[in-house]
C-alpha atoms as a PDB file:
ATOM      1  CA  MET A   1     219.619  57.256  26.799  1.00  0.00           C
ATOM      2  CA  ALA A   2     218.552  57.853  23.408  1.00  0.00           C
ATOM      3  CA  LYS A   3     215.608  57.460  21.657  1.00  0.00           C
ATOM      4  CA  LYS A   4     214.609  56.116  18.481  1.00  0.00           C
ATOM      5  CA  ALA A   5     211.405  56.130  16.470  1.00  0.00           C
ATOM      6  CA  VAL A   6     210.033  53.159  15.487  1.00  0.00           C
ATOM      7  CA  ASN A   7     206.804  51.982  13.510  1.00  0.00           C
ATOM      8  CA  LEU A   8     204.403  49.720  15.268  1.00  0.00           C
ATOM      9  CA  SER A   9     201.230  47.875  14.306  1.00  0.00           C
ATOM     10  CA  ILE A  10     198.607  47.896  16.579  1.00  0.00           C
ATOM     11  CA  ASN A  11     194.999  47.476  17.213  1.00  0.00           C
ATOM     12  CA  ALA A  12     192.987  50.596  15.950  1.00  0.00           C
ATOM     13  CA  GLU A  13     190.210  50.534  18.286  1.00  0.00           C
ATOM     14  CA  LEU A  14     192.968  49.617  21.509  1.00  0.00           C
ATOM     15  CA  LEU A  15     194.588  53.005  20.033  1.00  0.00           C
ATOM     16  CA  ALA A  16     191.699  55.306  19.935  1.00  0.00           C
ATOM     17  CA  LYS A  17     190.877  54.000  23.839  1.00  0.00           C
ATOM     18  CA  ALA A  18     194.700  55.046  24.748  1.00  0.00           C
ATOM     19  CA  LYS A  19     194.466  58.153  23.049  1.00  0.00           C
ATOM     20  CA  ALA A  20     191.059  59.023  24.911  1.00  0.00           C
ATOM     21  CA  ALA A  21     192.429  58.067  27.815  1.00  0.00           C
ATOM     22  CA  ARG A  22     195.498  60.630  26.993  1.00  0.00           C
ATOM     23  CA  LEU A  23     198.115  57.686  28.028  1.00  0.00           C
ATOM     24  CA  ASN A  24     202.211  58.437  26.691  1.00  0.00           C
ATOM     25  CA  LEU A  25     202.078  55.523  24.350  1.00  0.00           C
ATOM     26  CA  SER A  26     206.149  55.785  24.168  1.00  0.00           C
ATOM     27  CA  ALA A  27     206.298  55.865  28.254  1.00  0.00           C
ATOM     28  CA  LEU A  28     203.863  53.222  28.476  1.00  0.00           C
ATOM     29  CA  LEU A  29     205.456  50.969  25.948  1.00  0.00           C
ATOM     30  CA  GLU A  30     209.183  51.716  27.362  1.00  0.00           C
ATOM     31  CA  GLU A  31     208.089  50.563  31.215  1.00  0.00           C
ATOM     32  CA  VAL A  32     206.133  47.222  29.959  1.00  0.00           C
ATOM     33  CA  LEU A  33     209.085  46.528  27.540  1.00  0.00           C
ATOM     34  CA  SER A  34     211.590  47.014  30.362  1.00  0.00           C
ATOM     35  CA  GLU A  35     209.374  44.570  32.258  1.00  0.00           C
ATOM     36  CA  GLN A  36     209.477  42.209  29.948  1.00  0.00           C
ATOM     37  CA  VAL A  37     213.179  42.388  29.151  1.00  0.00           C
ATOM     38  CA  ARG A  38     214.201  42.267  33.329  1.00  0.00           C
ATOM     39  CA  ALA A  39     211.808  39.188  33.191  1.00  0.00           C
ATOM     40  CA  GLU A  40     213.132  37.295  30.183  1.00  0.00           C
ATOM     41  CA  GLN A  41     217.023  38.058  31.429  1.00  0.00           C
ATOM     42  CA  GLU A  42     216.237  36.568  34.711  1.00  0.00           C
ATOM     43  CA  ARG A  43     214.315  33.443  33.161  1.00  0.00           C
ATOM     44  CA  ARG A  44     217.604  33.053  31.225  1.00  0.00           C
ATOM     45  CA  TRP A  45     219.839  33.395  33.911  1.00  0.00           C
ATOM     46  CA  ARG A  46     218.156  31.019  36.242  1.00  0.00           C
ATOM     47  CA  GLN A  47     218.001  28.312  33.368  1.00  0.00           C
ATOM     48  CA  GLU A  48     221.782  28.950  32.675  1.00  0.00           C
ATOM     49  CA  ASN A  49     222.262  28.544  36.619  1.00  0.00           C
ATOM     50  CA  LYS A  50     220.069  25.903  37.348  1.00  0.00           C
ATOM     51  CA  ALA A  51     222.852  23.287  37.801  1.00  0.00           C
ATOM     52  CA  ALA A  52     224.541  25.626  40.119  1.00  0.00           C
ATOM     53  CA  ILE A  53     221.338  26.638  42.360  1.00  0.00           C
ATOM     54  CA  ASP A  54     220.175  23.399  42.670  1.00  0.00           C
ATOM     55  CA  ALA A  55     223.793  21.788  43.685  1.00  0.00           C
ATOM     56  CA  ALA A  56     223.649  24.820  46.397  1.00  0.00           C
ATOM     57  CA  ASN A  57     220.286  23.962  47.562  1.00  0.00           C
ATOM     58  CA  GLY A  58     221.243  20.150  47.760  1.00  0.00           C
ATOM     59  CA  PHE A  59     224.300  20.985  49.696  1.00  0.00           C
ATOM     60  CA  ALA A  60     222.309  23.524  52.391  1.00  0.00           C
ATOM     61  CA  GLU A  61     219.160  20.294  52.318  1.00  0.00           C
ATOM     62  CA  GLU A  62     222.301  17.845  53.280  1.00  0.00           C
ATOM     63  CA  ASN A  63     224.466  19.926  55.458  1.00  0.00           C
ATOM     64  CA  GLY A  64     221.808  22.479  56.846  1.00  0.00           C
ATOM     65  CA  ILE A  65     223.093  26.303  56.448  1.00  0.00           C
ATOM     66  CA  PHE A  66     226.366  27.769  57.962  1.00  0.00           C
ATOM     67  CA  GLY A  67     225.407  29.196  61.612  1.00  0.00           C
ATOM     68  CA  GLU A  68     221.613  28.184  61.262  1.00  0.00           C
ATOM     69  CA  ASP A  69     222.087  27.313  65.034  1.00  0.00           C
ATOM     70  CA  PHE A  70     222.745  30.766  66.221  1.00  0.00           C
ATOM     71  CA  ARG A  71     219.889  32.352  64.293  1.00  0.00           C
ATOM     72  CA  SER A  72     216.948  33.650  66.488  1.00  0.00           C
ATOM     73  CA  PHE A  73     214.181  33.736  63.715  1.00  0.00           C
END
Protein backbone atom coordinates (compact mmCIF):
# COMPACT_ATOMS: atom_id res chain seq x y z
CA MET A 1 0.00 0.00 0.00
CA ALA A 2 1.28 3.46 -0.80
CA LYS A 3 2.58 5.63 2.02
CA LYS A 4 1.97 9.35 2.43
CA ALA A 5 3.99 11.77 4.53
CA VAL A 6 1.94 13.72 7.07
CA ASN A 7 2.62 16.35 9.72
CA LEU A 8 1.47 15.70 13.28
CA SER A 9 1.64 17.65 16.50
CA ILE A 10 2.58 15.57 19.50
CA ASN A 11 3.58 16.17 23.11
CA ALA A 12 7.34 16.85 23.01
CA GLU A 13 8.07 14.86 26.18
CA LEU A 14 6.14 11.88 24.87
CA LEU A 15 7.99 12.08 21.56
CA ALA A 16 11.35 12.14 23.35
CA LYS A 17 10.38 9.06 25.38
CA ALA A 18 9.22 7.24 22.25
CA LYS A 19 12.48 8.03 20.48
CA ALA A 20 14.48 6.92 23.52
CA ALA A 21 12.55 3.65 23.46
CA ARG A 22 13.39 3.37 19.75
CA LEU A 23 9.73 3.02 18.81
CA ASN A 24 8.84 3.11 15.13
CA LEU A 25 6.28 5.91 15.24
CA SER A 26 5.00 5.34 11.71
CA ALA A 27 4.38 1.63 12.28
CA LEU A 28 2.87 2.27 15.71
CA LEU A 29 0.52 4.95 14.40
CA GLU A 30 -0.55 2.74 11.49
CA GLU A 31 -1.28 -0.17 13.84
CA VAL A 32 -3.30 1.87 16.33
CA LEU A 33 -5.07 3.90 13.64
CA SER A 34 -6.02 0.70 11.82
CA GLU A 35 -7.51 -0.73 15.02
CA GLN A 36 -9.47 2.48 15.68
CA VAL A 37 -10.79 2.64 12.10
CA ARG A 38 -11.90 -1.00 12.30
CA ALA A 39 -13.61 -0.39 15.64
CA GLU A 40 -15.43 2.66 14.28
CA GLN A 41 -16.54 0.76 11.17
CA GLU A 42 -17.85 -2.05 13.38
CA ARG A 43 -19.67 0.43 15.62
CA ARG A 44 -21.31 2.07 12.61
CA TRP A 45 -22.23 -1.30 11.07
CA ARG A 46 -23.89 -2.40 14.33
CA GLN A 47 -25.75 0.91 14.55
CA GLU A 48 -26.91 0.70 10.91
CA ASN A 49 -28.03 -2.92 11.32
CA LYS A 50 -29.46 -2.70 14.84
CA ALA A 51 -33.07 -3.13 13.73
CA ALA A 52 -32.30 -6.29 11.75
CA ILE A 53 -30.15 -7.74 14.54
CA ASP A 54 -32.86 -7.03 17.12
CA ALA A 55 -35.50 -8.59 14.84
CA ALA A 56 -33.40 -11.73 14.31
CA ASN A 57 -32.72 -12.04 18.05
CA GLY A 58 -36.41 -11.52 18.83
CA PHE A 59 -37.38 -14.20 16.32
CA ALA A 60 -34.87 -16.62 17.85
CA GLU A 61 -36.16 -15.90 21.35
CA GLU A 62 -39.76 -16.50 20.30
CA ASN A 63 -39.21 -19.47 18.00
CA GLY A 64 -35.93 -20.97 19.09
CA ILE A 65 -32.96 -21.68 16.90
CA PHE A 66 -33.21 -24.08 13.98
CA GLY A 67 -31.84 -27.47 14.95
CA GLU A 68 -31.40 -26.67 18.64
CA ASP A 69 -33.15 -29.91 19.55
CA PHE A 70 -30.35 -31.81 17.85
CA ARG A 71 -27.40 -29.93 19.38
CA SER A 72 -25.18 -31.78 21.81
CA PHE A 73 -23.62 -28.67 23.35
